[in-house]
Amino acid sequence: MRRTLISILPVLADFANGIFATLIAGVITDTEVVWWHVLIGIPLAMLPDLDAVPQLLRRGRVSTCVEHPQDHREGLHYPFVFLVVAVGIVLVEPFYGWLFLCATMLHFANDTYGTGWGVSWLWPLSNSRYKLLGRKVNRLKYILVKDGDWQRLPDGERRLRFVVSWGKDELRRYIRQWGIDEWVEPCYLRMNWIASTEYTLFVFSLILAALTLI
């Protein structure tokens, strides 16, 4: 039971993104939003993570580490693809098209600052991954300190960069050295800026939904 409850923590941001996307789409298209629209928005906000399902079914978890270096974001995490699909839907059903666009782009935005190894925002022009407010080693400082890695890191690797990027081959090297298999508990059960941001957005989305839909 505890493991199940903990595994829900990383998807709270997707719940928030689905709610925000539904409300934004309603404003853009001047559509009266009702509660069941949210039940569409939340799955759409989780849609890019369908590429994680095979790993989840096979291993019971989703992680990228030395033993499992294949990152699920190589499957569907390409914003350009979702943008093209969204434009097509907007032309037929504006509200649902905007809902699709907002939900998926908010998911990618969350993946760009949250946990994981960034997003290929410039695909198909580039396969590089980009992340905001991160380190090349892609670990929170307290984890690096606890594991005794902080003092061994070069100054350039310690620095929290506004934008950090990895080329395709470079990403695989960093994942093999710095990937974490058990990442949910250290990232979400101890307060840090990523967890705090996602929890705050989730609570705010619930308040906003209650004020708007009830």
N, C-alpha and C. Protein backbone atom coordinates (compact mmCIF):
# COMPACT_ATOMS: atom_id res chain seq x y z
N MET A 1 0.83 -1.21 0.00
CA MET A 1 0.00 0.00 0.00
C MET A 1 0.86 1.26 0.00
N ARG A 2 1.90 1.27 0.88
CA ARG A 2 2.77 2.44 0.96
C ARG A 2 3.46 2.69 -0.38
N ARG A 3 3.95 1.62 -1.01
CA ARG A 3 4.62 1.76 -2.31
C ARG A 3 3.67 2.33 -3.36
N THR A 4 2.39 1.87 -3.31
CA THR A 4 1.40 2.37 -4.27
C THR A 4 1.15 3.86 -4.07
N LEU A 5 1.01 4.27 -2.81
CA LEU A 5 0.76 5.67 -2.51
C LEU A 5 1.94 6.53 -2.94
N ILE A 6 3.16 6.04 -2.71
CA ILE A 6 4.35 6.79 -3.10
C ILE A 6 4.43 6.93 -4.61
N SER A 7 4.04 5.87 -5.33
CA SER A 7 4.13 5.90 -6.80
C SER A 7 3.16 6.90 -7.42
N ILE A 8 2.16 7.33 -6.65
CA ILE A 8 1.19 8.31 -7.15
C ILE A 8 1.79 9.72 -7.15
N LEU A 9 2.74 9.97 -6.26
CA LEU A 9 3.27 11.33 -6.08
C LEU A 9 3.79 11.94 -7.38
N PRO A 10 4.54 11.21 -8.23
CA PRO A 10 5.05 11.84 -9.45
C PRO A 10 3.97 12.22 -10.46
N VAL A 11 2.78 11.62 -10.37
CA VAL A 11 1.74 11.93 -11.36
C VAL A 11 0.80 13.04 -10.89
N LEU A 12 1.00 13.56 -9.68
CA LEU A 12 0.16 14.68 -9.23
C LEU A 12 0.32 15.87 -10.16
N ALA A 13 1.51 16.05 -10.70
CA ALA A 13 1.73 17.15 -11.65
C ALA A 13 0.90 16.96 -12.91
N ASP A 14 0.73 15.71 -13.35
CA ASP A 14 -0.10 15.45 -14.53
C ASP A 14 -1.57 15.75 -14.24
N PHE A 15 -2.02 15.45 -13.04
CA PHE A 15 -3.39 15.80 -12.65
C PHE A 15 -3.55 17.32 -12.71
N ALA A 16 -2.58 18.04 -12.17
CA ALA A 16 -2.64 19.50 -12.21
C ALA A 16 -2.62 20.00 -13.65
N ASN A 17 -1.75 19.43 -14.47
CA ASN A 17 -1.65 19.86 -15.87
C ASN A 17 -2.95 19.61 -16.62
N GLY A 18 -3.60 18.49 -16.34
CA GLY A 18 -4.87 18.20 -17.00
C GLY A 18 -5.95 19.19 -16.62
N ILE A 19 -5.98 19.57 -15.35
CA ILE A 19 -6.97 20.55 -14.88
C ILE A 19 -6.69 21.91 -15.49
N PHE A 20 -5.43 22.35 -15.42
CA PHE A 20 -5.07 23.64 -16.00
C PHE A 20 -5.38 23.68 -17.50
N ALA A 21 -5.04 22.61 -18.21
CA ALA A 21 -5.27 22.56 -19.65
C ALA A 21 -6.76 22.68 -19.98
N THR A 22 -7.59 22.01 -19.19
CA THR A 22 -9.03 22.07 -19.42
C THR A 22 -9.55 23.49 -19.25
N LEU A 23 -9.11 24.16 -18.20
CA LEU A 23 -9.58 25.52 -17.95
C LEU A 23 -9.04 26.50 -18.98
N ILE A 24 -7.79 26.32 -19.39
CA ILE A 24 -7.20 27.19 -20.41
C ILE A 24 -7.91 27.02 -21.74
N ALA A 25 -8.18 25.77 -22.13
CA ALA A 25 -8.87 25.51 -23.39
C ALA A 25 -10.26 26.12 -23.38
N GLY A 26 -10.92 26.09 -22.22
CA GLY A 26 -12.24 26.70 -22.11
C GLY A 26 -12.19 28.19 -22.33
N VAL A 27 -11.18 28.85 -21.77
CA VAL A 27 -11.04 30.30 -21.93
C VAL A 27 -10.72 30.65 -23.38
N ILE A 28 -9.79 29.92 -23.99
CA ILE A 28 -9.37 30.22 -25.36
C ILE A 28 -10.52 30.07 -26.34
N THR A 29 -11.34 29.04 -26.17
CA THR A 29 -12.42 28.77 -27.12
C THR A 29 -13.78 29.27 -26.65
N ASP A 30 -13.79 29.95 -25.50
CA ASP A 30 -15.03 30.46 -24.93
C ASP A 30 -16.06 29.34 -24.76
N THR A 31 -15.59 28.21 -24.22
CA THR A 31 -16.42 27.04 -23.98
C THR A 31 -16.71 26.91 -22.49
N GLU A 32 -17.94 26.61 -22.16
CA GLU A 32 -18.28 26.38 -20.76
C GLU A 32 -17.74 25.03 -20.33
N VAL A 33 -16.81 25.05 -19.43
CA VAL A 33 -16.15 23.81 -18.99
C VAL A 33 -16.98 23.15 -17.89
N VAL A 34 -17.17 21.84 -18.01
CA VAL A 34 -17.88 21.07 -16.99
C VAL A 34 -16.92 20.01 -16.44
N TRP A 35 -17.34 19.38 -15.35
CA TRP A 35 -16.43 18.50 -14.63
C TRP A 35 -15.89 17.35 -15.47
N TRP A 36 -16.70 16.83 -16.39
CA TRP A 36 -16.22 15.67 -17.14
C TRP A 36 -15.18 16.05 -18.20
N HIS A 37 -15.08 17.33 -18.51
CA HIS A 37 -13.98 17.76 -19.38
C HIS A 37 -12.64 17.49 -18.71
N VAL A 38 -12.61 17.64 -17.40
CA VAL A 38 -11.37 17.38 -16.65
C VAL A 38 -10.97 15.91 -16.77
N LEU A 39 -11.97 15.03 -16.83
CA LEU A 39 -11.68 13.60 -16.96
C LEU A 39 -11.08 13.26 -18.32
N ILE A 40 -11.18 14.18 -19.26
CA ILE A 40 -10.51 14.04 -20.56
C ILE A 40 -9.13 14.70 -20.49
N GLY A 41 -9.08 15.86 -19.83
CA GLY A 41 -7.83 16.60 -19.77
C GLY A 41 -6.73 15.86 -19.04
N ILE A 42 -7.06 15.20 -17.94
CA ILE A 42 -6.02 14.51 -17.16
C ILE A 42 -5.37 13.36 -17.94
N PRO A 43 -6.14 12.46 -18.59
CA PRO A 43 -5.49 11.44 -19.40
C PRO A 43 -4.66 12.02 -20.55
N LEU A 44 -5.13 13.13 -21.12
CA LEU A 44 -4.34 13.76 -22.19
C LEU A 44 -3.01 14.27 -21.65
N ALA A 45 -3.03 14.77 -20.41
CA ALA A 45 -1.79 15.25 -19.80
C ALA A 45 -0.83 14.10 -19.51
N MET A 46 -1.36 12.89 -19.41
CA MET A 46 -0.51 11.72 -19.18
C MET A 46 -0.12 11.02 -20.48
N LEU A 47 -0.72 11.44 -21.60
CA LEU A 47 -0.56 10.74 -22.87
C LEU A 47 0.90 10.53 -23.29
N PRO A 48 1.78 11.53 -23.18
CA PRO A 48 3.17 11.28 -23.59
C PRO A 48 3.85 10.16 -22.84
N ASP A 49 3.38 9.87 -21.64
CA ASP A 49 4.00 8.81 -20.85
C ASP A 49 3.51 7.41 -21.21
N LEU A 50 2.72 7.30 -22.25
CA LEU A 50 2.37 5.96 -22.74
C LEU A 50 3.62 5.17 -23.12
N ASP A 51 4.67 5.92 -23.48
CA ASP A 51 5.90 5.21 -23.84
C ASP A 51 6.58 4.55 -22.64
N ALA A 52 6.08 4.83 -21.44
CA ALA A 52 6.63 4.21 -20.23
C ALA A 52 5.90 2.92 -19.85
N VAL A 53 4.77 2.67 -20.47
CA VAL A 53 3.95 1.52 -20.09
C VAL A 53 4.68 0.19 -20.25
N PRO A 54 5.39 -0.06 -21.37
CA PRO A 54 6.09 -1.35 -21.49
C PRO A 54 7.07 -1.59 -20.34
N GLN A 55 7.83 -0.57 -19.95
CA GLN A 55 8.77 -0.73 -18.84
C GLN A 55 8.04 -0.93 -17.52
N LEU A 56 6.93 -0.22 -17.35
CA LEU A 56 6.15 -0.35 -16.12
C LEU A 56 5.60 -1.76 -15.99
N LEU A 57 5.10 -2.32 -17.07
CA LEU A 57 4.55 -3.67 -17.05
C LEU A 57 5.65 -4.72 -16.86
N ARG A 58 6.80 -4.46 -17.43
CA ARG A 58 7.90 -5.43 -17.37
C ARG A 58 8.60 -5.42 -16.02
N ARG A 59 8.81 -4.22 -15.44
CA ARG A 59 9.62 -4.11 -14.23
C ARG A 59 8.83 -3.65 -13.00
N GLY A 60 7.62 -3.13 -13.21
CA GLY A 60 6.84 -2.63 -12.10
C GLY A 60 7.23 -1.24 -11.67
N ARG A 61 8.11 -0.60 -12.41
CA ARG A 61 8.55 0.77 -12.14
C ARG A 61 9.11 1.37 -13.42
N VAL A 62 9.26 2.68 -13.40
CA VAL A 62 9.85 3.38 -14.54
C VAL A 62 11.08 4.11 -14.03
N SER A 63 12.25 3.75 -14.54
CA SER A 63 13.48 4.41 -14.13
C SER A 63 14.53 4.25 -15.21
N THR A 64 15.55 5.08 -15.13
CA THR A 64 16.65 5.02 -16.07
C THR A 64 17.95 5.02 -15.27
N CYS A 65 18.72 3.94 -15.39
CA CYS A 65 19.92 3.81 -14.58
C CYS A 65 20.91 2.92 -15.32
N VAL A 66 22.01 2.59 -14.66
CA VAL A 66 23.05 1.81 -15.32
C VAL A 66 22.54 0.44 -15.75
N GLU A 67 21.69 -0.18 -14.93
CA GLU A 67 21.16 -1.49 -15.28
C GLU A 67 20.08 -1.40 -16.34
N HIS A 68 19.41 -0.26 -16.43
CA HIS A 68 18.32 -0.06 -17.39
C HIS A 68 18.49 1.31 -18.05
N PRO A 69 19.46 1.44 -18.97
CA PRO A 69 19.82 2.74 -19.52
C PRO A 69 18.86 3.26 -20.59
N GLN A 70 17.90 2.45 -21.01
CA GLN A 70 16.96 2.90 -22.04
C GLN A 70 15.93 3.83 -21.42
N ASP A 71 15.93 5.09 -21.84
CA ASP A 71 15.00 6.07 -21.30
C ASP A 71 13.69 6.02 -22.08
N HIS A 72 12.57 5.91 -21.37
CA HIS A 72 11.28 5.78 -22.05
C HIS A 72 10.96 7.02 -22.87
N ARG A 73 11.57 8.16 -22.57
CA ARG A 73 11.26 9.38 -23.30
C ARG A 73 11.77 9.38 -24.75
N GLU A 74 12.42 8.32 -25.13
CA GLU A 74 12.82 8.17 -26.53
C GLU A 74 11.64 7.71 -27.38
N GLY A 75 10.51 7.40 -26.74
CA GLY A 75 9.36 6.89 -27.49
C GLY A 75 8.44 7.97 -28.01
N LEU A 76 7.79 8.70 -27.10
CA LEU A 76 6.77 9.68 -27.51
C LEU A 76 7.08 11.12 -27.09
N HIS A 77 8.18 11.34 -26.43
CA HIS A 77 8.43 12.68 -25.89
C HIS A 77 9.06 13.61 -26.94
N TYR A 78 8.25 13.90 -27.97
CA TYR A 78 8.67 14.81 -29.03
C TYR A 78 7.58 15.86 -29.22
N PRO A 79 7.72 17.04 -28.62
CA PRO A 79 6.67 18.06 -28.67
C PRO A 79 6.19 18.39 -30.08
N PHE A 80 7.09 18.36 -31.05
CA PHE A 80 6.71 18.72 -32.42
C PHE A 80 5.60 17.81 -32.94
N VAL A 81 5.69 16.53 -32.63
CA VAL A 81 4.67 15.57 -33.09
C VAL A 81 3.30 15.92 -32.51
N PHE A 82 3.26 16.23 -31.23
CA PHE A 82 2.00 16.56 -30.57
C PHE A 82 1.46 17.91 -31.06
N LEU A 83 2.36 18.83 -31.39
CA LEU A 83 1.93 20.11 -31.92
C LEU A 83 1.23 19.93 -33.26
N VAL A 84 1.79 19.12 -34.12
CA VAL A 84 1.18 18.86 -35.44
C VAL A 84 -0.19 18.21 -35.28
N VAL A 85 -0.28 17.21 -34.41
CA VAL A 85 -1.57 16.55 -34.17
C VAL A 85 -2.58 17.53 -33.61
N ALA A 86 -2.15 18.38 -32.69
CA ALA A 86 -3.05 19.35 -32.06
C ALA A 86 -3.62 20.32 -33.08
N VAL A 87 -2.79 20.79 -34.00
CA VAL A 87 -3.26 21.72 -35.04
C VAL A 87 -4.36 21.07 -35.86
N GLY A 88 -4.18 19.79 -36.20
CA GLY A 88 -5.21 19.08 -36.95
C GLY A 88 -6.51 18.97 -36.19
N ILE A 89 -6.44 18.70 -34.89
CA ILE A 89 -7.66 18.58 -34.08
C ILE A 89 -8.33 19.94 -33.93
N VAL A 90 -7.54 20.99 -33.74
CA VAL A 90 -8.10 22.34 -33.58
C VAL A 90 -8.94 22.72 -34.79
N LEU A 91 -8.52 22.34 -35.96
CA LEU A 91 -9.25 22.68 -37.18
C LEU A 91 -10.62 22.02 -37.24
N VAL A 92 -10.76 20.88 -36.53
CA VAL A 92 -12.03 20.15 -36.55
C VAL A 92 -12.84 20.43 -35.29
N GLU A 93 -12.20 20.33 -34.13
CA GLU A 93 -12.85 20.56 -32.83
C GLU A 93 -11.97 21.48 -32.00
N PRO A 94 -12.19 22.79 -32.10
CA PRO A 94 -11.28 23.75 -31.45
C PRO A 94 -11.06 23.49 -29.95
N PHE A 95 -12.13 23.24 -29.18
CA PHE A 95 -11.95 23.04 -27.75
C PHE A 95 -11.06 21.84 -27.46
N TYR A 96 -11.35 20.71 -28.09
CA TYR A 96 -10.58 19.50 -27.81
C TYR A 96 -9.17 19.60 -28.39
N GLY A 97 -9.03 20.34 -29.48
CA GLY A 97 -7.70 20.55 -30.03
C GLY A 97 -6.82 21.36 -29.09
N TRP A 98 -7.39 22.43 -28.54
CA TRP A 98 -6.65 23.23 -27.58
C TRP A 98 -6.41 22.48 -26.28
N LEU A 99 -7.37 21.66 -25.90
CA LEU A 99 -7.20 20.84 -24.70
C LEU A 99 -6.05 19.87 -24.90
N PHE A 100 -6.01 19.24 -26.05
CA PHE A 100 -4.91 18.31 -26.38
C PHE A 100 -3.58 19.04 -26.36
N LEU A 101 -3.54 20.20 -26.99
CA LEU A 101 -2.30 20.96 -27.08
C LEU A 101 -1.81 21.41 -25.70
N CYS A 102 -2.70 22.00 -24.93
CA CYS A 102 -2.31 22.51 -23.61
C CYS A 102 -1.90 21.39 -22.67
N ALA A 103 -2.66 20.29 -22.68
CA ALA A 103 -2.36 19.17 -21.77
C ALA A 103 -1.00 18.55 -22.07
N THR A 104 -0.73 18.31 -23.33
CA THR A 104 0.54 17.65 -23.68
C THR A 104 1.72 18.62 -23.53
N MET A 105 1.54 19.89 -23.90
CA MET A 105 2.65 20.84 -23.76
C MET A 105 2.96 21.12 -22.29
N LEU A 106 1.94 21.14 -21.44
CA LEU A 106 2.20 21.31 -20.01
C LEU A 106 2.94 20.09 -19.45
N HIS A 107 2.64 18.92 -19.98
CA HIS A 107 3.38 17.71 -19.59
C HIS A 107 4.85 17.88 -19.95
N PHE A 108 5.11 18.31 -21.17
CA PHE A 108 6.50 18.48 -21.59
C PHE A 108 7.20 19.58 -20.79
N ALA A 109 6.45 20.64 -20.47
CA ALA A 109 7.04 21.71 -19.66
C ALA A 109 7.43 21.18 -18.28
N ASN A 110 6.56 20.34 -17.70
CA ASN A 110 6.87 19.73 -16.40
C ASN A 110 8.09 18.83 -16.50
N ASP A 111 8.19 18.06 -17.57
CA ASP A 111 9.35 17.18 -17.75
C ASP A 111 10.63 17.97 -17.99
N THR A 112 10.50 19.23 -18.38
CA THR A 112 11.68 20.04 -18.66
C THR A 112 12.30 20.60 -17.39
N TYR A 113 11.50 20.79 -16.34
CA TYR A 113 12.10 21.27 -15.09
C TYR A 113 12.08 20.19 -13.99
N GLY A 114 11.24 19.18 -14.14
CA GLY A 114 11.06 18.19 -13.08
C GLY A 114 12.10 17.10 -13.10
N THR A 115 11.71 15.92 -12.67
CA THR A 115 12.63 14.79 -12.64
C THR A 115 12.82 14.25 -14.07
N GLY A 116 13.79 13.39 -14.24
CA GLY A 116 14.03 12.81 -15.55
C GLY A 116 15.08 13.58 -16.33
N TRP A 117 15.31 13.12 -17.54
CA TRP A 117 16.43 13.60 -18.35
C TRP A 117 16.00 14.53 -19.48
N GLY A 118 15.06 15.41 -19.19
CA GLY A 118 14.73 16.46 -20.14
C GLY A 118 13.90 16.00 -21.32
N VAL A 119 13.74 16.92 -22.27
CA VAL A 119 12.85 16.71 -23.42
C VAL A 119 13.55 17.15 -24.70
N SER A 120 13.28 16.45 -25.79
CA SER A 120 13.86 16.79 -27.09
C SER A 120 13.02 17.88 -27.77
N TRP A 121 13.15 19.10 -27.28
CA TRP A 121 12.31 20.20 -27.78
C TRP A 121 12.60 20.55 -29.23
N LEU A 122 13.80 20.32 -29.72
CA LEU A 122 14.16 20.73 -31.08
C LEU A 122 14.07 19.60 -32.10
N TRP A 123 13.60 18.42 -31.67
CA TRP A 123 13.41 17.34 -32.63
C TRP A 123 12.36 17.76 -33.65
N PRO A 124 12.53 17.49 -34.96
CA PRO A 124 13.51 16.60 -35.61
C PRO A 124 14.82 17.27 -36.02
N LEU A 125 15.00 18.55 -35.68
CA LEU A 125 16.25 19.22 -36.03
C LEU A 125 17.42 18.74 -35.18
N SER A 126 17.13 18.31 -33.97
CA SER A 126 18.18 17.85 -33.06
C SER A 126 17.62 16.80 -32.11
N ASN A 127 18.46 15.83 -31.74
CA ASN A 127 18.07 14.81 -30.77
C ASN A 127 18.49 15.17 -29.35
N SER A 128 19.09 16.34 -29.17
CA SER A 128 19.54 16.74 -27.84
C SER A 128 18.37 16.91 -26.89
N ARG A 129 18.60 16.59 -25.63
CA ARG A 129 17.61 16.79 -24.57
C ARG A 129 17.91 18.10 -23.84
N TYR A 130 16.86 18.76 -23.40
CA TYR A 130 17.01 20.03 -22.70
C TYR A 130 16.25 19.99 -21.38
N LYS A 131 16.86 20.61 -20.37
CA LYS A 131 16.23 20.67 -19.06
C LYS A 131 16.55 22.01 -18.42
N LEU A 132 15.60 22.57 -17.68
CA LEU A 132 15.80 23.83 -16.98
C LEU A 132 16.22 23.59 -15.54
N LEU A 133 17.09 24.46 -15.05
CA LEU A 133 17.51 24.43 -13.65
C LEU A 133 17.97 23.03 -13.25
N GLY A 134 18.97 22.55 -13.95
CA GLY A 134 19.47 21.22 -13.67
C GLY A 134 20.98 21.16 -13.72
N ARG A 135 21.51 19.98 -13.42
CA ARG A 135 22.93 19.70 -13.53
C ARG A 135 23.13 18.60 -14.57
N LYS A 136 24.31 18.54 -15.13
CA LYS A 136 24.60 17.48 -16.09
C LYS A 136 24.40 16.11 -15.46
N VAL A 137 24.75 15.98 -14.17
CA VAL A 137 24.61 14.69 -13.50
C VAL A 137 23.15 14.40 -13.14
N ASN A 138 22.30 15.42 -13.24
CA ASN A 138 20.85 15.26 -13.08
C ASN A 138 20.46 14.66 -11.73
N ARG A 139 21.09 15.16 -10.67
CA ARG A 139 20.72 14.75 -9.32
C ARG A 139 20.58 15.99 -8.44
N LEU A 140 19.66 15.91 -7.49
CA LEU A 140 19.52 16.98 -6.51
C LEU A 140 20.77 17.03 -5.64
N LYS A 141 21.10 18.21 -5.17
CA LYS A 141 22.33 18.39 -4.39
C LYS A 141 22.36 17.51 -3.15
N TYR A 142 21.24 17.42 -2.43
CA TYR A 142 21.26 16.66 -1.19
C TYR A 142 21.54 15.18 -1.44
N ILE A 143 21.11 14.66 -2.60
CA ILE A 143 21.39 13.26 -2.93
C ILE A 143 22.88 13.09 -3.22
N LEU A 144 23.46 14.05 -3.94
CA LEU A 144 24.89 13.99 -4.23
C LEU A 144 25.71 14.06 -2.94
N VAL A 145 25.29 14.93 -2.02
CA VAL A 145 25.99 15.05 -0.74
C VAL A 145 25.86 13.77 0.06
N LYS A 146 24.63 13.23 0.15
CA LYS A 146 24.37 12.02 0.94
C LYS A 146 25.18 10.84 0.41
N ASP A 147 25.30 10.74 -0.91
CA ASP A 147 26.03 9.61 -1.51
C ASP A 147 27.53 9.83 -1.56
N GLY A 148 27.98 11.01 -1.10
CA GLY A 148 29.40 11.29 -1.10
C GLY A 148 29.97 11.68 -2.44
N ASP A 149 29.12 12.07 -3.39
CA ASP A 149 29.58 12.42 -4.73
C ASP A 149 29.85 13.91 -4.91
N TRP A 150 29.26 14.73 -4.02
CA TRP A 150 29.33 16.18 -4.22
C TRP A 150 30.77 16.69 -4.25
N GLN A 151 31.59 16.27 -3.30
CA GLN A 151 32.96 16.76 -3.21
C GLN A 151 33.83 16.27 -4.37
N ARG A 152 33.44 15.17 -4.98
CA ARG A 152 34.24 14.62 -6.08
C ARG A 152 33.89 15.26 -7.43
N LEU A 153 32.78 15.98 -7.48
CA LEU A 153 32.35 16.57 -8.74
C LEU A 153 33.19 17.80 -9.09
N PRO A 154 33.53 17.98 -10.37
CA PRO A 154 34.17 19.22 -10.80
C PRO A 154 33.20 20.39 -10.57
N ASP A 155 33.74 21.59 -10.46
CA ASP A 155 32.90 22.76 -10.23
C ASP A 155 31.82 22.91 -11.29
N GLY A 156 32.17 22.63 -12.54
CA GLY A 156 31.20 22.76 -13.63
C GLY A 156 30.02 21.82 -13.50
N GLU A 157 30.27 20.65 -12.88
CA GLU A 157 29.20 19.67 -12.71
C GLU A 157 28.32 20.01 -11.51
N ARG A 158 28.87 20.73 -10.55
CA ARG A 158 28.08 21.11 -9.38
C ARG A 158 27.10 22.22 -9.69
N ARG A 159 27.46 23.06 -10.62
CA ARG A 159 26.69 24.28 -10.88
C ARG A 159 25.29 23.95 -11.38
N LEU A 160 24.30 24.60 -10.79
CA LEU A 160 22.91 24.47 -11.25
C LEU A 160 22.72 25.42 -12.42
N ARG A 161 22.50 24.88 -13.59
CA ARG A 161 22.42 25.69 -14.81
C ARG A 161 20.97 26.02 -15.13
N PHE A 162 20.77 27.20 -15.71
CA PHE A 162 19.41 27.56 -16.13
C PHE A 162 18.95 26.62 -17.24
N VAL A 163 19.83 26.33 -18.19
CA VAL A 163 19.52 25.34 -19.23
C VAL A 163 20.67 24.34 -19.29
N VAL A 164 20.34 23.08 -19.16
CA VAL A 164 21.34 22.02 -19.32
C VAL A 164 20.88 21.14 -20.47
N SER A 165 21.83 20.66 -21.26
CA SER A 165 21.47 19.82 -22.40
C SER A 165 22.43 18.65 -22.51
N TRP A 166 21.93 17.58 -23.14
CA TRP A 166 22.75 16.40 -23.39
C TRP A 166 22.56 15.99 -24.85
N GLY A 167 23.65 15.74 -25.55
CA GLY A 167 23.56 15.11 -26.85
C GLY A 167 23.18 13.65 -26.67
N LYS A 168 22.85 12.98 -27.76
CA LYS A 168 22.35 11.61 -27.67
C LYS A 168 23.36 10.68 -27.00
N ASP A 169 24.59 10.66 -27.49
CA ASP A 169 25.61 9.78 -26.91
C ASP A 169 25.99 10.23 -25.51
N GLU A 170 26.07 11.55 -25.32
CA GLU A 170 26.40 12.10 -24.02
C GLU A 170 25.36 11.70 -22.98
N LEU A 171 24.09 11.72 -23.37
CA LEU A 171 23.01 11.34 -22.46
C LEU A 171 23.18 9.92 -21.97
N ARG A 172 23.50 9.01 -22.87
CA ARG A 172 23.67 7.61 -22.47
C ARG A 172 24.81 7.45 -21.47
N ARG A 173 25.89 8.20 -21.67
CA ARG A 173 27.01 8.12 -20.73
C ARG A 173 26.61 8.61 -19.34
N TYR A 174 25.90 9.72 -19.30
CA TYR A 174 25.48 10.26 -18.01
C TYR A 174 24.46 9.36 -17.32
N ILE A 175 23.55 8.78 -18.09
CA ILE A 175 22.56 7.87 -17.50
C ILE A 175 23.25 6.66 -16.89
N ARG A 176 24.23 6.10 -17.59
CA ARG A 176 24.92 4.91 -17.08
C ARG A 176 25.70 5.21 -15.80
N GLN A 177 26.15 6.45 -15.66
CA GLN A 177 26.92 6.80 -14.46
C GLN A 177 26.07 7.36 -13.34
N TRP A 178 25.00 8.11 -13.70
CA TRP A 178 24.28 8.87 -12.69
C TRP A 178 22.79 8.55 -12.58
N GLY A 179 22.29 7.66 -13.40
CA GLY A 179 20.88 7.31 -13.32
C GLY A 179 20.54 6.64 -11.98
N ILE A 180 19.33 6.88 -11.51
CA ILE A 180 18.89 6.32 -10.22
C ILE A 180 17.68 5.40 -10.45
N ASP A 181 17.78 4.18 -9.98
CA ASP A 181 16.67 3.24 -10.13
C ASP A 181 15.52 3.58 -9.18
N GLU A 182 15.86 3.78 -7.91
CA GLU A 182 14.84 4.13 -6.89
C GLU A 182 14.83 5.65 -6.72
N TRP A 183 14.14 6.34 -7.60
CA TRP A 183 14.19 7.81 -7.61
C TRP A 183 12.97 8.48 -6.98
N VAL A 184 11.87 7.78 -6.85
CA VAL A 184 10.64 8.42 -6.39
C VAL A 184 10.75 8.90 -4.95
N GLU A 185 11.20 8.02 -4.05
CA GLU A 185 11.26 8.40 -2.63
C GLU A 185 12.23 9.57 -2.38
N PRO A 186 13.48 9.51 -2.87
CA PRO A 186 14.37 10.65 -2.61
C PRO A 186 13.93 11.95 -3.25
N CYS A 187 13.18 11.86 -4.34
CA CYS A 187 12.75 13.07 -5.04
C CYS A 187 11.43 13.63 -4.52
N TYR A 188 10.57 12.78 -3.95
CA TYR A 188 9.23 13.24 -3.59
C TYR A 188 8.88 13.11 -2.11
N LEU A 189 9.64 12.34 -1.34
CA LEU A 189 9.34 12.23 0.09
C LEU A 189 10.17 13.18 0.93
N ARG A 190 11.16 13.78 0.32
CA ARG A 190 11.93 14.83 1.00
C ARG A 190 11.69 16.13 0.24
N MET A 191 11.33 17.19 0.95
CA MET A 191 10.98 18.44 0.31
C MET A 191 12.18 19.03 -0.42
N ASN A 192 11.99 19.36 -1.66
CA ASN A 192 12.98 20.03 -2.49
C ASN A 192 12.22 20.91 -3.46
N TRP A 193 12.90 21.69 -4.24
CA TRP A 193 12.19 22.67 -5.05
C TRP A 193 11.30 22.04 -6.12
N ILE A 194 11.69 20.89 -6.65
CA ILE A 194 10.87 20.23 -7.67
C ILE A 194 9.58 19.70 -7.05
N ALA A 195 9.71 18.92 -5.96
CA ALA A 195 8.53 18.37 -5.29
C ALA A 195 7.63 19.49 -4.80
N SER A 196 8.21 20.53 -4.21
CA SER A 196 7.41 21.64 -3.69
C SER A 196 6.63 22.32 -4.79
N THR A 197 7.27 22.51 -5.94
CA THR A 197 6.59 23.14 -7.08
C THR A 197 5.42 22.30 -7.56
N GLU A 198 5.64 21.00 -7.70
CA GLU A 198 4.59 20.12 -8.22
C GLU A 198 3.44 19.99 -7.22
N TYR A 199 3.73 19.87 -5.95
CA TYR A 199 2.67 19.78 -4.95
C TYR A 199 1.86 21.08 -4.91
N THR A 200 2.55 22.21 -5.01
CA THR A 200 1.86 23.50 -4.99
C THR A 200 0.94 23.65 -6.19
N LEU A 201 1.43 23.26 -7.37
CA LEU A 201 0.60 23.34 -8.57
C LEU A 201 -0.62 22.43 -8.46
N PHE A 202 -0.43 21.26 -7.86
CA PHE A 202 -1.55 20.33 -7.71
C PHE A 202 -2.63 20.93 -6.81
N VAL A 203 -2.22 21.46 -5.67
CA VAL A 203 -3.19 22.06 -4.74
C VAL A 203 -3.87 23.26 -5.39
N PHE A 204 -3.11 24.10 -6.07
CA PHE A 204 -3.67 25.27 -6.72
C PHE A 204 -4.66 24.87 -7.82
N SER A 205 -4.37 23.81 -8.56
CA SER A 205 -5.27 23.36 -9.61
C SER A 205 -6.59 22.87 -9.03
N LEU A 206 -6.53 22.18 -7.88
CA LEU A 206 -7.76 21.72 -7.24
C LEU A 206 -8.61 22.90 -6.77
N ILE A 207 -7.96 23.90 -6.21
CA ILE A 207 -8.69 25.10 -5.75
C ILE A 207 -9.32 25.81 -6.93
N LEU A 208 -8.56 25.96 -8.00
CA LEU A 208 -9.06 26.65 -9.19
C LEU A 208 -10.22 25.88 -9.83
N ALA A 209 -10.09 24.54 -9.87
CA ALA A 209 -11.17 23.73 -10.42
C ALA A 209 -12.43 23.84 -9.58
N ALA A 210 -12.26 23.85 -8.25
CA ALA A 210 -13.42 23.95 -7.37
C ALA A 210 -14.12 25.31 -7.55
N LEU A 211 -13.34 26.36 -7.69
CA LEU A 211 -13.93 27.69 -7.87
C LEU A 211 -14.62 27.84 -9.21
N THR A 212 -14.10 27.12 -10.21
CA THR A 212 -14.62 27.27 -11.57
C THR A 212 -15.77 26.34 -11.88
N LEU A 213 -15.70 25.11 -11.39
CA LEU A 213 -16.63 24.09 -11.81
C LEU A 213 -17.78 23.84 -10.84
N ILE A 214 -17.62 24.28 -9.61
CA ILE A 214 -18.68 24.02 -8.61
C ILE A 214 -19.58 25.23 -8.47
